[in-house]
N, C-alpha and C. Protein backbone atom coordinates (compact mmCIF):
# COMPACT_ATOMS: atom_id res chain seq x y z
N UNK A 1 104.18 102.11 70.02
CA UNK A 1 105.40 101.33 70.31
C UNK A 1 105.90 101.62 71.72
N UNK A 2 105.79 102.90 72.12
CA UNK A 2 106.26 103.27 73.45
C UNK A 2 105.45 102.57 74.54
N UNK A 3 104.12 102.49 74.34
CA UNK A 3 103.26 101.80 75.31
C UNK A 3 103.63 100.33 75.43
N UNK A 4 103.92 99.71 74.27
CA UNK A 4 104.31 98.29 74.27
C UNK A 4 105.61 98.09 75.02
N UNK A 5 106.58 98.98 74.75
CA UNK A 5 107.87 98.88 75.45
C UNK A 5 107.71 99.08 76.95
N UNK A 6 106.86 100.03 77.32
CA UNK A 6 106.62 100.28 78.74
C UNK A 6 106.02 99.06 79.42
N UNK A 7 105.08 98.40 78.71
CA UNK A 7 104.45 97.21 79.28
C UNK A 7 105.46 96.08 79.44
N UNK A 8 106.37 95.94 78.45
CA UNK A 8 107.38 94.90 78.53
C UNK A 8 108.34 95.16 79.69
N UNK A 9 108.72 96.41 79.88
CA UNK A 9 109.61 96.76 80.99
C UNK A 9 108.92 96.47 82.32
N UNK A 10 107.65 96.85 82.44
CA UNK A 10 106.92 96.60 83.67
C UNK A 10 106.78 95.12 83.94
N UNK A 11 106.54 94.34 82.88
CA UNK A 11 106.43 92.89 83.03
C UNK A 11 107.73 92.31 83.55
N UNK A 12 108.86 92.77 82.99
CA UNK A 12 110.16 92.27 83.45
C UNK A 12 110.39 92.63 84.91
N UNK A 13 110.03 93.86 85.29
CA UNK A 13 110.19 94.28 86.68
C UNK A 13 109.35 93.41 87.61
N UNK A 14 108.10 93.13 87.19
CA UNK A 14 107.20 92.31 88.00
C UNK A 14 107.75 90.89 88.18
N UNK A 15 108.26 90.32 87.07
CA UNK A 15 108.80 88.96 87.12
C UNK A 15 109.99 88.89 88.07
N UNK A 16 110.90 89.86 87.96
CA UNK A 16 112.08 89.86 88.82
C UNK A 16 111.71 90.10 90.28
N UNK A 17 110.72 90.97 90.51
CA UNK A 17 110.29 91.24 91.88
C UNK A 17 109.69 89.99 92.52
N UNK A 18 108.88 89.27 91.75
CA UNK A 18 108.28 88.03 92.26
C UNK A 18 109.35 86.99 92.52
N UNK A 19 110.33 86.93 91.61
CA UNK A 19 111.44 85.98 91.79
C UNK A 19 112.22 86.32 93.06
N UNK A 20 112.46 87.60 93.28
CA UNK A 20 113.24 88.01 94.46
C UNK A 20 112.54 87.66 95.76
N UNK A 21 111.21 87.72 95.77
CA UNK A 21 110.45 87.33 96.96
C UNK A 21 110.69 85.85 97.30
N UNK A 22 110.62 84.99 96.26
CA UNK A 22 110.84 83.57 96.49
C UNK A 22 112.30 83.30 96.83
N UNK A 23 113.21 84.05 96.20
CA UNK A 23 114.64 83.87 96.49
C UNK A 23 114.93 84.17 97.95
N UNK A 24 114.26 85.19 98.51
CA UNK A 24 114.46 85.52 99.92
C UNK A 24 113.99 84.37 100.81
N UNK A 25 112.88 83.72 100.43
CA UNK A 25 112.40 82.57 101.19
C UNK A 25 113.38 81.41 101.08
N UNK A 26 113.92 81.20 99.86
CA UNK A 26 114.92 80.14 99.67
C UNK A 26 116.14 80.39 100.55
N UNK A 27 116.59 81.65 100.54
CA UNK A 27 117.79 81.99 101.31
C UNK A 27 117.57 81.76 102.80
N UNK A 28 116.39 82.12 103.28
CA UNK A 28 116.07 81.88 104.69
C UNK A 28 116.09 80.39 105.01
N UNK A 29 115.53 79.59 104.09
CA UNK A 29 115.54 78.13 104.28
C UNK A 29 116.97 77.60 104.33
N UNK A 30 117.81 78.04 103.41
CA UNK A 30 119.20 77.58 103.39
C UNK A 30 119.93 78.00 104.66
N UNK A 31 119.73 79.24 105.09
CA UNK A 31 120.42 79.72 106.28
C UNK A 31 119.95 79.00 107.53
N UNK A 32 118.64 78.79 107.65
CA UNK A 32 118.11 78.11 108.84
C UNK A 32 118.61 76.67 108.94
N UNK A 33 118.91 76.06 107.79
CA UNK A 33 119.37 74.67 107.78
C UNK A 33 120.88 74.54 107.54
N UNK A 34 121.57 75.68 107.56
CA UNK A 34 123.04 75.69 107.36
C UNK A 34 123.43 74.94 106.09
N UNK A 35 122.71 75.24 104.99
CA UNK A 35 122.99 74.65 103.69
C UNK A 35 123.76 75.66 102.84
N UNK A 36 124.93 75.27 102.38
CA UNK A 36 125.70 76.11 101.47
C UNK A 36 125.20 75.84 100.05
N UNK A 37 124.50 76.81 99.47
CA UNK A 37 123.96 76.67 98.11
C UNK A 37 124.84 77.45 97.15
N UNK A 38 125.43 76.74 96.21
CA UNK A 38 126.32 77.35 95.21
C UNK A 38 125.68 77.25 93.83
N UNK A 39 125.53 78.38 93.17
CA UNK A 39 124.90 78.46 91.85
C UNK A 39 125.99 78.49 90.79
N UNK A 40 126.20 77.36 90.11
CA UNK A 40 127.24 77.28 89.08
C UNK A 40 126.67 77.73 87.74
N UNK A 41 127.29 78.76 87.18
CA UNK A 41 126.82 79.37 85.94
C UNK A 41 127.93 79.36 84.90
N UNK A 42 127.55 79.23 83.64
CA UNK A 42 128.55 79.22 82.57
C UNK A 42 127.83 79.22 81.23
N UNK A 43 128.60 79.30 80.17
CA UNK A 43 128.06 79.05 78.84
C UNK A 43 128.07 77.54 78.59
N UNK A 44 127.35 77.05 77.56
CA UNK A 44 127.35 75.61 77.28
C UNK A 44 128.76 75.11 76.95
N UNK A 45 129.08 73.91 77.42
CA UNK A 45 130.35 73.29 77.07
C UNK A 45 131.52 73.70 77.92
N UNK A 46 131.26 74.38 79.04
CA UNK A 46 132.37 74.83 79.89
C UNK A 46 132.97 73.69 80.72
N UNK A 47 132.22 72.58 80.83
CA UNK A 47 132.69 71.46 81.63
C UNK A 47 132.13 71.43 83.04
N UNK A 48 130.99 72.11 83.26
CA UNK A 48 130.41 72.18 84.62
C UNK A 48 130.09 70.80 85.18
N UNK A 49 129.46 69.94 84.37
CA UNK A 49 129.02 68.65 84.89
C UNK A 49 130.21 67.76 85.22
N UNK A 50 131.21 67.75 84.35
CA UNK A 50 132.43 66.99 84.64
C UNK A 50 133.10 67.52 85.91
N UNK A 51 133.15 68.84 86.03
CA UNK A 51 133.72 69.46 87.23
C UNK A 51 132.93 69.04 88.47
N UNK A 52 131.61 69.05 88.37
CA UNK A 52 130.78 68.65 89.51
C UNK A 52 131.02 67.20 89.91
N UNK A 53 131.09 66.33 88.93
CA UNK A 53 131.32 64.91 89.22
C UNK A 53 132.64 64.71 89.95
N UNK A 54 133.69 65.37 89.48
CA UNK A 54 135.00 65.24 90.12
C UNK A 54 134.99 65.86 91.51
N UNK A 55 134.28 66.97 91.66
CA UNK A 55 134.17 67.63 92.96
C UNK A 55 133.46 66.72 93.96
N UNK A 56 132.37 66.13 93.52
CA UNK A 56 131.61 65.22 94.40
C UNK A 56 132.48 64.04 94.84
N UNK A 57 133.21 63.47 93.90
CA UNK A 57 134.06 62.32 94.24
C UNK A 57 135.11 62.68 95.30
N UNK A 58 135.57 63.93 95.28
CA UNK A 58 136.59 64.35 96.24
C UNK A 58 136.00 64.74 97.60
N UNK A 59 134.74 65.18 97.61
CA UNK A 59 134.17 65.73 98.84
C UNK A 59 133.14 64.83 99.52
N UNK A 60 132.66 63.80 98.83
CA UNK A 60 131.52 63.05 99.36
C UNK A 60 131.84 62.29 100.64
N UNK A 61 133.10 62.05 100.91
CA UNK A 61 133.44 61.35 102.16
C UNK A 61 133.48 62.30 103.36
N UNK A 62 133.52 63.60 103.10
CA UNK A 62 133.63 64.56 104.21
C UNK A 62 132.44 65.50 104.35
N UNK A 63 131.62 65.62 103.29
CA UNK A 63 130.49 66.53 103.33
C UNK A 63 129.24 65.86 102.78
N UNK A 64 128.06 66.24 103.29
CA UNK A 64 126.80 65.83 102.69
C UNK A 64 126.54 66.72 101.48
N UNK A 65 126.28 66.08 100.34
CA UNK A 65 126.14 66.82 99.09
C UNK A 65 124.83 66.48 98.38
N UNK A 66 124.32 67.44 97.64
CA UNK A 66 123.15 67.21 96.78
C UNK A 66 123.25 68.18 95.60
N UNK A 67 122.57 67.84 94.50
CA UNK A 67 122.68 68.63 93.28
C UNK A 67 121.31 68.86 92.66
N UNK A 68 121.07 70.10 92.25
CA UNK A 68 119.94 70.44 91.38
C UNK A 68 120.50 70.73 90.01
N UNK A 69 120.07 69.95 89.02
CA UNK A 69 120.57 70.09 87.65
C UNK A 69 119.55 70.85 86.80
N UNK A 70 119.99 71.91 86.15
CA UNK A 70 119.11 72.66 85.26
C UNK A 70 119.51 72.50 83.81
N UNK A 71 118.55 72.08 82.98
CA UNK A 71 118.76 71.97 81.54
C UNK A 71 117.43 72.21 80.85
N UNK A 72 117.50 72.57 79.57
CA UNK A 72 116.25 72.75 78.85
C UNK A 72 115.56 71.42 78.58
N UNK A 73 116.33 70.38 78.30
CA UNK A 73 115.77 69.05 78.04
C UNK A 73 116.74 67.97 78.55
N UNK A 74 116.27 66.74 78.56
CA UNK A 74 116.99 65.50 78.91
C UNK A 74 117.29 65.38 80.40
N UNK A 75 117.58 64.14 80.81
CA UNK A 75 117.97 63.83 82.18
C UNK A 75 119.44 63.43 82.27
N UNK A 76 120.17 63.68 81.19
CA UNK A 76 121.53 63.16 81.08
C UNK A 76 122.45 63.61 82.21
N UNK A 77 122.44 64.91 82.52
CA UNK A 77 123.38 65.42 83.52
C UNK A 77 123.06 64.89 84.91
N UNK A 78 121.77 64.83 85.26
CA UNK A 78 121.40 64.29 86.58
C UNK A 78 121.82 62.83 86.70
N UNK A 79 121.70 62.08 85.61
CA UNK A 79 122.11 60.68 85.65
C UNK A 79 123.62 60.56 85.84
N UNK A 80 124.38 61.46 85.23
CA UNK A 80 125.84 61.46 85.42
C UNK A 80 126.18 61.76 86.88
N UNK A 81 125.46 62.72 87.47
CA UNK A 81 125.70 63.07 88.87
C UNK A 81 125.35 61.89 89.77
N UNK A 82 124.22 61.25 89.53
CA UNK A 82 123.79 60.12 90.38
C UNK A 82 124.77 58.96 90.30
N UNK A 83 125.49 58.85 89.19
CA UNK A 83 126.46 57.75 89.04
C UNK A 83 127.60 57.88 90.04
N UNK A 84 127.78 59.08 90.62
CA UNK A 84 128.81 59.27 91.65
C UNK A 84 128.31 58.84 93.03
N UNK A 85 127.00 58.54 93.12
CA UNK A 85 126.41 58.20 94.41
C UNK A 85 125.76 59.39 95.09
N UNK A 86 125.79 60.55 94.44
CA UNK A 86 125.22 61.76 95.02
C UNK A 86 123.75 61.89 94.64
N UNK A 87 122.95 62.39 95.57
CA UNK A 87 121.54 62.63 95.29
C UNK A 87 121.39 63.84 94.37
N UNK A 88 120.55 63.70 93.34
CA UNK A 88 120.39 64.79 92.37
C UNK A 88 118.98 64.79 91.81
N UNK A 89 118.51 65.96 91.44
CA UNK A 89 117.22 66.10 90.79
C UNK A 89 117.38 66.98 89.56
N UNK A 90 116.70 66.61 88.48
CA UNK A 90 116.78 67.37 87.23
C UNK A 90 115.59 68.31 87.12
N UNK A 91 115.87 69.55 86.74
CA UNK A 91 114.82 70.52 86.44
C UNK A 91 114.95 70.89 84.97
N UNK A 92 113.95 70.53 84.18
CA UNK A 92 113.95 70.89 82.76
C UNK A 92 113.16 72.17 82.57
N UNK A 93 113.77 73.15 81.96
CA UNK A 93 113.16 74.47 81.82
C UNK A 93 112.43 74.64 80.49
N UNK A 94 112.48 73.63 79.61
CA UNK A 94 111.80 73.75 78.32
C UNK A 94 112.43 74.86 77.49
N UNK A 95 111.63 75.85 77.13
CA UNK A 95 112.15 76.97 76.35
C UNK A 95 112.87 77.99 77.23
N UNK A 96 112.76 77.85 78.54
CA UNK A 96 113.41 78.80 79.45
C UNK A 96 114.92 78.67 79.43
N UNK A 97 115.59 79.81 79.58
CA UNK A 97 117.06 79.84 79.45
C UNK A 97 117.76 79.94 80.79
N UNK A 98 117.03 79.71 81.90
CA UNK A 98 117.65 79.82 83.21
C UNK A 98 116.74 79.18 84.25
N UNK A 99 117.30 78.88 85.39
CA UNK A 99 116.52 78.47 86.55
C UNK A 99 116.02 79.72 87.27
N UNK A 100 114.87 79.61 87.94
CA UNK A 100 114.40 80.71 88.77
C UNK A 100 114.17 80.21 90.19
N UNK A 101 113.85 81.14 91.08
CA UNK A 101 113.75 80.81 92.49
C UNK A 101 112.63 79.83 92.79
N UNK A 102 111.53 79.92 92.05
CA UNK A 102 110.41 78.99 92.26
C UNK A 102 110.79 77.57 91.88
N UNK A 103 111.58 77.42 90.81
CA UNK A 103 112.06 76.10 90.42
C UNK A 103 112.93 75.49 91.50
N UNK A 104 113.77 76.33 92.13
CA UNK A 104 114.64 75.85 93.20
C UNK A 104 113.82 75.44 94.41
N UNK A 105 112.80 76.21 94.72
CA UNK A 105 111.90 75.87 95.83
C UNK A 105 111.25 74.51 95.59
N UNK A 106 110.72 74.31 94.38
CA UNK A 106 110.08 73.03 94.06
C UNK A 106 111.06 71.87 94.09
N UNK A 107 112.27 72.10 93.57
CA UNK A 107 113.28 71.05 93.56
C UNK A 107 113.70 70.68 94.98
N UNK A 108 113.84 71.68 95.84
CA UNK A 108 114.24 71.41 97.23
C UNK A 108 113.16 70.63 97.99
N UNK A 109 111.90 70.90 97.68
CA UNK A 109 110.81 70.18 98.34
C UNK A 109 110.87 68.69 98.00
N UNK A 110 111.33 68.37 96.79
CA UNK A 110 111.46 66.98 96.39
C UNK A 110 112.79 66.37 96.85
N UNK A 111 113.85 67.12 96.68
CA UNK A 111 115.19 66.61 96.99
C UNK A 111 115.46 66.54 98.49
N UNK A 112 114.92 67.53 99.21
CA UNK A 112 115.11 67.60 100.67
C UNK A 112 116.59 67.51 101.06
N UNK A 113 117.39 68.51 100.66
CA UNK A 113 118.81 68.49 101.06
C UNK A 113 118.95 68.48 102.58
N UNK A 114 119.92 67.74 103.06
CA UNK A 114 120.10 67.59 104.50
C UNK A 114 120.61 68.88 105.14
N UNK A 115 120.23 69.14 106.39
CA UNK A 115 120.85 70.25 107.11
C UNK A 115 122.36 70.06 107.18
N UNK A 116 123.09 71.16 107.23
CA UNK A 116 124.56 71.14 107.27
C UNK A 116 125.11 70.37 106.06
N UNK A 117 124.69 70.81 104.88
CA UNK A 117 125.14 70.16 103.65
C UNK A 117 125.49 71.21 102.60
N UNK A 118 126.03 70.73 101.49
CA UNK A 118 126.34 71.58 100.34
C UNK A 118 125.37 71.23 99.21
N UNK A 119 124.71 72.24 98.68
CA UNK A 119 123.80 72.06 97.55
C UNK A 119 124.38 72.76 96.34
N UNK A 120 124.73 71.98 95.33
CA UNK A 120 125.20 72.55 94.07
C UNK A 120 124.01 72.74 93.15
N UNK A 121 123.88 73.92 92.58
CA UNK A 121 122.85 74.21 91.58
C UNK A 121 123.56 74.43 90.26
N UNK A 122 123.42 73.48 89.33
CA UNK A 122 124.03 73.65 88.01
C UNK A 122 123.01 74.31 87.10
N UNK A 123 123.22 75.58 86.85
CA UNK A 123 122.25 76.35 86.06
C UNK A 123 122.33 75.99 84.58
N UNK A 124 121.33 76.41 83.84
CA UNK A 124 121.31 76.21 82.39
C UNK A 124 122.50 76.94 81.78
N UNK A 125 123.14 76.35 80.78
CA UNK A 125 124.28 76.97 80.13
C UNK A 125 123.90 78.25 79.42
N UNK A 126 124.27 79.39 80.02
CA UNK A 126 123.85 80.69 79.50
C UNK A 126 124.53 81.75 80.35
N UNK A 127 125.25 82.68 79.73
CA UNK A 127 125.94 83.72 80.49
C UNK A 127 125.16 85.02 80.58
N UNK A 128 123.88 85.01 80.16
CA UNK A 128 123.08 86.24 80.18
C UNK A 128 121.99 86.17 81.24
N UNK A 129 120.94 85.41 80.98
CA UNK A 129 119.75 85.42 81.84
C UNK A 129 120.01 85.05 83.30
N UNK A 130 120.80 84.01 83.60
CA UNK A 130 120.98 83.63 85.01
C UNK A 130 121.60 84.72 85.88
N UNK A 131 122.25 85.70 85.26
CA UNK A 131 122.85 86.78 86.05
C UNK A 131 121.80 87.59 86.78
N UNK A 132 120.60 87.71 86.20
CA UNK A 132 119.55 88.57 86.76
C UNK A 132 118.68 87.86 87.78
N UNK A 133 118.77 86.52 87.84
CA UNK A 133 117.84 85.77 88.68
C UNK A 133 118.53 85.23 89.92
N UNK A 134 118.19 85.84 91.06
CA UNK A 134 118.64 85.36 92.36
C UNK A 134 117.87 84.09 92.68
N UNK A 135 118.57 83.05 93.09
CA UNK A 135 117.92 81.78 93.46
C UNK A 135 117.87 81.59 94.97
N UNK A 136 118.46 82.55 95.71
CA UNK A 136 118.58 82.39 97.15
C UNK A 136 119.89 81.76 97.55
N UNK A 137 120.78 81.59 96.58
CA UNK A 137 122.05 80.91 96.81
C UNK A 137 122.99 81.76 97.66
N UNK A 138 123.99 81.12 98.24
CA UNK A 138 125.04 81.85 98.94
C UNK A 138 125.82 82.70 97.96
N UNK A 139 126.18 82.13 96.81
CA UNK A 139 126.88 82.90 95.79
C UNK A 139 126.85 82.18 94.45
N UNK A 140 127.15 82.94 93.41
CA UNK A 140 127.32 82.39 92.07
C UNK A 140 128.79 82.08 91.83
N UNK A 141 129.03 80.98 91.12
CA UNK A 141 130.38 80.58 90.71
C UNK A 141 130.38 80.50 89.19
N UNK A 142 131.12 81.38 88.54
CA UNK A 142 131.18 81.40 87.08
C UNK A 142 132.28 80.46 86.61
N UNK A 143 131.91 79.49 85.78
CA UNK A 143 132.87 78.53 85.24
C UNK A 143 133.17 78.93 83.79
N UNK A 144 134.41 79.23 83.51
CA UNK A 144 134.82 79.66 82.17
C UNK A 144 135.89 78.71 81.66
N UNK A 145 135.61 78.06 80.56
CA UNK A 145 136.60 77.18 79.93
C UNK A 145 137.56 78.02 79.11
N UNK A 146 138.84 77.65 79.15
CA UNK A 146 139.82 78.42 78.38
C UNK A 146 139.65 78.24 76.88
N UNK A 147 138.78 77.33 76.47
CA UNK A 147 138.48 77.18 75.04
C UNK A 147 137.53 78.27 74.54
N UNK A 148 137.01 79.08 75.45
CA UNK A 148 135.99 80.06 75.07
C UNK A 148 136.56 81.44 74.72
N UNK A 149 137.78 81.72 75.09
CA UNK A 149 138.33 83.06 74.84
C UNK A 149 138.40 83.88 76.11
N UNK A 150 139.50 84.65 76.23
CA UNK A 150 139.74 85.38 77.49
C UNK A 150 138.87 86.62 77.66
N UNK A 151 138.12 87.01 76.61
CA UNK A 151 137.34 88.24 76.70
C UNK A 151 135.91 88.03 77.21
N UNK A 152 135.56 86.80 77.59
CA UNK A 152 134.20 86.54 78.08
C UNK A 152 133.79 87.46 79.24
N UNK A 153 134.66 87.73 80.21
CA UNK A 153 134.22 88.59 81.32
C UNK A 153 133.80 89.99 80.90
N UNK A 154 134.38 90.55 79.85
CA UNK A 154 133.96 91.89 79.43
C UNK A 154 132.85 91.83 78.38
N UNK A 155 132.67 90.67 77.75
CA UNK A 155 131.55 90.51 76.81
C UNK A 155 130.25 90.23 77.55
N UNK A 156 130.36 89.57 78.71
CA UNK A 156 129.20 89.25 79.54
C UNK A 156 129.45 89.75 80.97
N UNK A 157 129.58 91.06 81.14
CA UNK A 157 130.05 91.59 82.43
C UNK A 157 129.09 91.35 83.59
N UNK A 158 127.79 91.31 83.32
CA UNK A 158 126.84 91.20 84.44
C UNK A 158 126.98 89.87 85.17
N UNK A 159 127.29 88.81 84.43
CA UNK A 159 127.46 87.52 85.08
C UNK A 159 128.68 87.52 86.00
N UNK A 160 129.76 88.12 85.53
CA UNK A 160 130.98 88.12 86.33
C UNK A 160 130.91 89.14 87.47
N UNK A 161 130.11 90.19 87.29
CA UNK A 161 129.85 91.11 88.39
C UNK A 161 129.06 90.42 89.50
N UNK A 162 128.18 89.51 89.10
CA UNK A 162 127.29 88.84 90.07
C UNK A 162 127.96 87.65 90.75
N UNK A 163 129.14 87.24 90.29
CA UNK A 163 129.78 86.03 90.79
C UNK A 163 130.85 86.35 91.83
N UNK A 164 130.93 85.50 92.84
CA UNK A 164 131.97 85.64 93.86
C UNK A 164 133.29 85.01 93.39
N UNK A 165 133.17 83.94 92.58
CA UNK A 165 134.34 83.17 92.16
C UNK A 165 134.27 82.90 90.67
N UNK A 166 135.39 82.99 89.99
CA UNK A 166 135.51 82.57 88.60
C UNK A 166 136.45 81.37 88.55
N UNK A 167 135.97 80.27 88.02
CA UNK A 167 136.81 79.10 87.79
C UNK A 167 137.24 79.09 86.34
N UNK A 168 138.55 79.07 86.11
CA UNK A 168 139.08 78.89 84.76
C UNK A 168 139.35 77.40 84.59
N UNK A 169 138.50 76.76 83.81
CA UNK A 169 138.53 75.31 83.65
C UNK A 169 139.28 74.89 82.39
N UNK A 170 139.68 73.62 82.37
CA UNK A 170 140.37 72.99 81.24
C UNK A 170 141.77 73.55 81.01
N UNK A 171 142.46 73.92 82.10
CA UNK A 171 143.80 74.50 81.91
C UNK A 171 144.81 73.49 81.40
N UNK A 172 144.43 72.20 81.39
CA UNK A 172 145.32 71.19 80.80
C UNK A 172 145.47 71.41 79.30
N UNK A 173 144.58 72.21 78.70
CA UNK A 173 144.64 72.48 77.25
C UNK A 173 145.46 73.72 76.91
N UNK A 174 146.00 74.40 77.91
CA UNK A 174 146.74 75.63 77.67
C UNK A 174 147.86 75.50 76.62
N UNK A 175 148.63 74.40 76.63
CA UNK A 175 149.71 74.29 75.63
C UNK A 175 149.21 74.27 74.19
N UNK A 176 147.94 74.01 73.99
CA UNK A 176 147.40 73.85 72.64
C UNK A 176 146.54 75.02 72.18
N UNK A 177 146.40 76.03 73.05
CA UNK A 177 145.50 77.14 72.74
C UNK A 177 146.21 78.48 72.89
N UNK A 178 145.68 79.46 72.20
CA UNK A 178 146.18 80.83 72.33
C UNK A 178 145.27 81.56 73.31
N UNK A 179 145.48 81.30 74.59
CA UNK A 179 144.63 81.87 75.64
C UNK A 179 145.51 82.57 76.65
N UNK A 180 145.22 83.85 76.91
CA UNK A 180 146.01 84.66 77.83
C UNK A 180 145.30 84.70 79.19
N UNK A 181 145.77 83.87 80.14
CA UNK A 181 145.13 83.80 81.45
C UNK A 181 145.21 85.13 82.18
N UNK A 182 146.36 85.78 82.12
CA UNK A 182 146.52 87.05 82.83
C UNK A 182 145.53 88.10 82.32
N UNK A 183 145.33 88.11 81.02
CA UNK A 183 144.38 89.07 80.45
C UNK A 183 142.96 88.73 80.86
N UNK A 184 142.62 87.44 80.89
CA UNK A 184 141.29 87.02 81.30
C UNK A 184 141.01 87.45 82.74
N UNK A 185 141.98 87.21 83.63
CA UNK A 185 141.83 87.61 85.04
C UNK A 185 141.72 89.13 85.14
N UNK A 186 142.51 89.84 84.35
CA UNK A 186 142.45 91.30 84.34
C UNK A 186 141.06 91.78 83.94
N UNK A 187 140.48 91.16 82.90
CA UNK A 187 139.14 91.54 82.46
C UNK A 187 138.11 91.26 83.56
N UNK A 188 138.24 90.10 84.22
CA UNK A 188 137.29 89.75 85.27
C UNK A 188 137.39 90.75 86.43
N UNK A 189 138.62 91.12 86.80
CA UNK A 189 138.82 92.08 87.89
C UNK A 189 138.34 93.48 87.48
N UNK A 190 138.35 93.75 86.19
CA UNK A 190 137.89 95.05 85.71
C UNK A 190 136.40 95.22 85.97
N UNK A 191 135.64 94.15 85.75
CA UNK A 191 134.19 94.25 85.95
C UNK A 191 133.79 93.92 87.38
N UNK A 192 134.67 93.21 88.12
CA UNK A 192 134.38 92.85 89.51
C UNK A 192 135.70 92.75 90.28
N UNK A 193 136.15 93.84 90.87
CA UNK A 193 137.45 93.84 91.55
C UNK A 193 137.55 92.82 92.68
N UNK A 194 136.42 92.37 93.22
CA UNK A 194 136.44 91.45 94.36
C UNK A 194 136.35 89.98 93.96
N UNK A 195 136.22 89.70 92.67
CA UNK A 195 136.04 88.31 92.25
C UNK A 195 137.30 87.50 92.55
N UNK A 196 137.10 86.29 93.07
CA UNK A 196 138.20 85.37 93.30
C UNK A 196 138.37 84.49 92.06
N UNK A 197 139.57 83.96 91.86
CA UNK A 197 139.86 83.17 90.66
C UNK A 197 140.59 81.90 91.05
N UNK A 198 140.11 80.77 90.51
CA UNK A 198 140.79 79.50 90.67
C UNK A 198 141.01 78.89 89.29
N UNK A 199 142.24 78.47 89.01
CA UNK A 199 142.56 77.81 87.75
C UNK A 199 142.62 76.31 88.01
N UNK A 200 141.92 75.53 87.18
CA UNK A 200 141.93 74.09 87.42
C UNK A 200 141.63 73.31 86.14
N UNK A 201 141.82 72.02 86.25
CA UNK A 201 141.42 71.08 85.22
C UNK A 201 140.71 69.92 85.89
N UNK A 202 139.43 69.75 85.57
CA UNK A 202 138.69 68.62 86.13
C UNK A 202 139.20 67.31 85.56
N UNK A 203 139.86 67.36 84.42
CA UNK A 203 140.37 66.15 83.78
C UNK A 203 141.68 65.68 84.40
N UNK A 204 142.62 66.62 84.60
CA UNK A 204 143.93 66.24 85.14
C UNK A 204 143.99 66.37 86.66
N UNK A 205 142.96 67.00 87.25
CA UNK A 205 142.87 67.26 88.70
C UNK A 205 143.76 68.41 89.18
N UNK A 206 144.51 69.04 88.29
CA UNK A 206 145.31 70.19 88.68
C UNK A 206 144.38 71.30 89.19
N UNK A 207 144.66 71.82 90.37
CA UNK A 207 143.86 72.90 90.95
C UNK A 207 142.59 72.45 91.63
N UNK A 208 142.23 71.17 91.53
CA UNK A 208 140.97 70.70 92.12
C UNK A 208 140.98 70.81 93.65
N UNK A 209 142.14 70.59 94.26
CA UNK A 209 142.19 70.68 95.72
C UNK A 209 141.91 72.10 96.20
N UNK A 210 142.40 73.08 95.44
CA UNK A 210 142.15 74.47 95.81
C UNK A 210 140.65 74.77 95.77
N UNK A 211 139.97 74.27 94.75
CA UNK A 211 138.52 74.43 94.62
C UNK A 211 137.79 73.73 95.77
N UNK A 212 138.18 72.52 96.07
CA UNK A 212 137.54 71.79 97.17
C UNK A 212 137.78 72.48 98.50
N UNK A 213 138.98 73.03 98.70
CA UNK A 213 139.28 73.77 99.93
C UNK A 213 138.42 75.02 100.01
N UNK A 214 138.21 75.67 98.87
CA UNK A 214 137.36 76.87 98.83
C UNK A 214 135.94 76.53 99.29
N UNK A 215 135.40 75.42 98.79
CA UNK A 215 134.06 74.98 99.19
C UNK A 215 134.02 74.68 100.68
N UNK A 216 135.00 73.92 101.15
CA UNK A 216 135.04 73.53 102.57
C UNK A 216 135.13 74.76 103.48
N UNK A 217 135.95 75.73 103.09
CA UNK A 217 136.09 76.94 103.91
C UNK A 217 134.80 77.75 103.90
N UNK A 218 134.15 77.82 102.73
CA UNK A 218 132.88 78.55 102.65
C UNK A 218 131.81 77.85 103.50
N UNK A 219 131.82 76.53 103.47
CA UNK A 219 130.88 75.74 104.27
C UNK A 219 131.10 76.00 105.77
N UNK A 220 132.35 76.05 106.19
CA UNK A 220 132.65 76.31 107.60
C UNK A 220 132.17 77.70 108.00
N UNK A 221 132.31 78.66 107.11
CA UNK A 221 131.88 80.02 107.41
C UNK A 221 130.39 80.10 107.66
N UNK A 222 129.59 79.45 106.81
CA UNK A 222 128.13 79.56 107.00
C UNK A 222 127.68 78.76 108.21
N UNK A 223 128.45 77.75 108.61
CA UNK A 223 128.07 76.95 109.77
C UNK A 223 128.50 77.60 111.08
N UNK A 224 129.24 78.71 111.00
CA UNK A 224 129.61 79.46 112.19
C UNK A 224 128.56 80.51 112.53
N UNK A 225 127.67 80.80 111.57
CA UNK A 225 126.70 81.89 111.76
C UNK A 225 125.66 81.49 112.80
């Protein structure tokens, strides 16, 4: 049993090491082309795709945008994104529970995001596996719906440790739920003292401008390098 466990650990190390090599190449490509790549991560049903559609509608007149959609099956989310007029490509992972750096490389070769643009990567809905896989992105953005419970950051600490920003989505539902925002933010800061937090509703548009400003400011920062 010990030999089997050792082989499994070594296999995991090898897989992550190979992924990190490709992620470094992806990061170099993004930096050389001044592409802001944002990896949106969450559990299923957080509202990532709706948030993306609303974000695109607000930013498409001022920024060049493109989207890589990750799902285990179907083309539904990519079709929703394309309905906004934004270029998008779907990556189906099959039984896989996350996107990896090689998938992003292949998607970029087809999508060809423009230099000086923003590339949104909507990862597979999962708060575990995507935390370990660097895609070469500028940063991870964790999207947490208030319908999920305020303890998610301490139940899935590695994802929130790996994220630069936590978006608390669906705050228009606060009057109908027993959700403690202050406690949720406290938990997130406990596992990652540097994490930034934005509260918003993609449905009511409350807080959306703050999110769009965050993207624009991040974009300006990478274009100054």
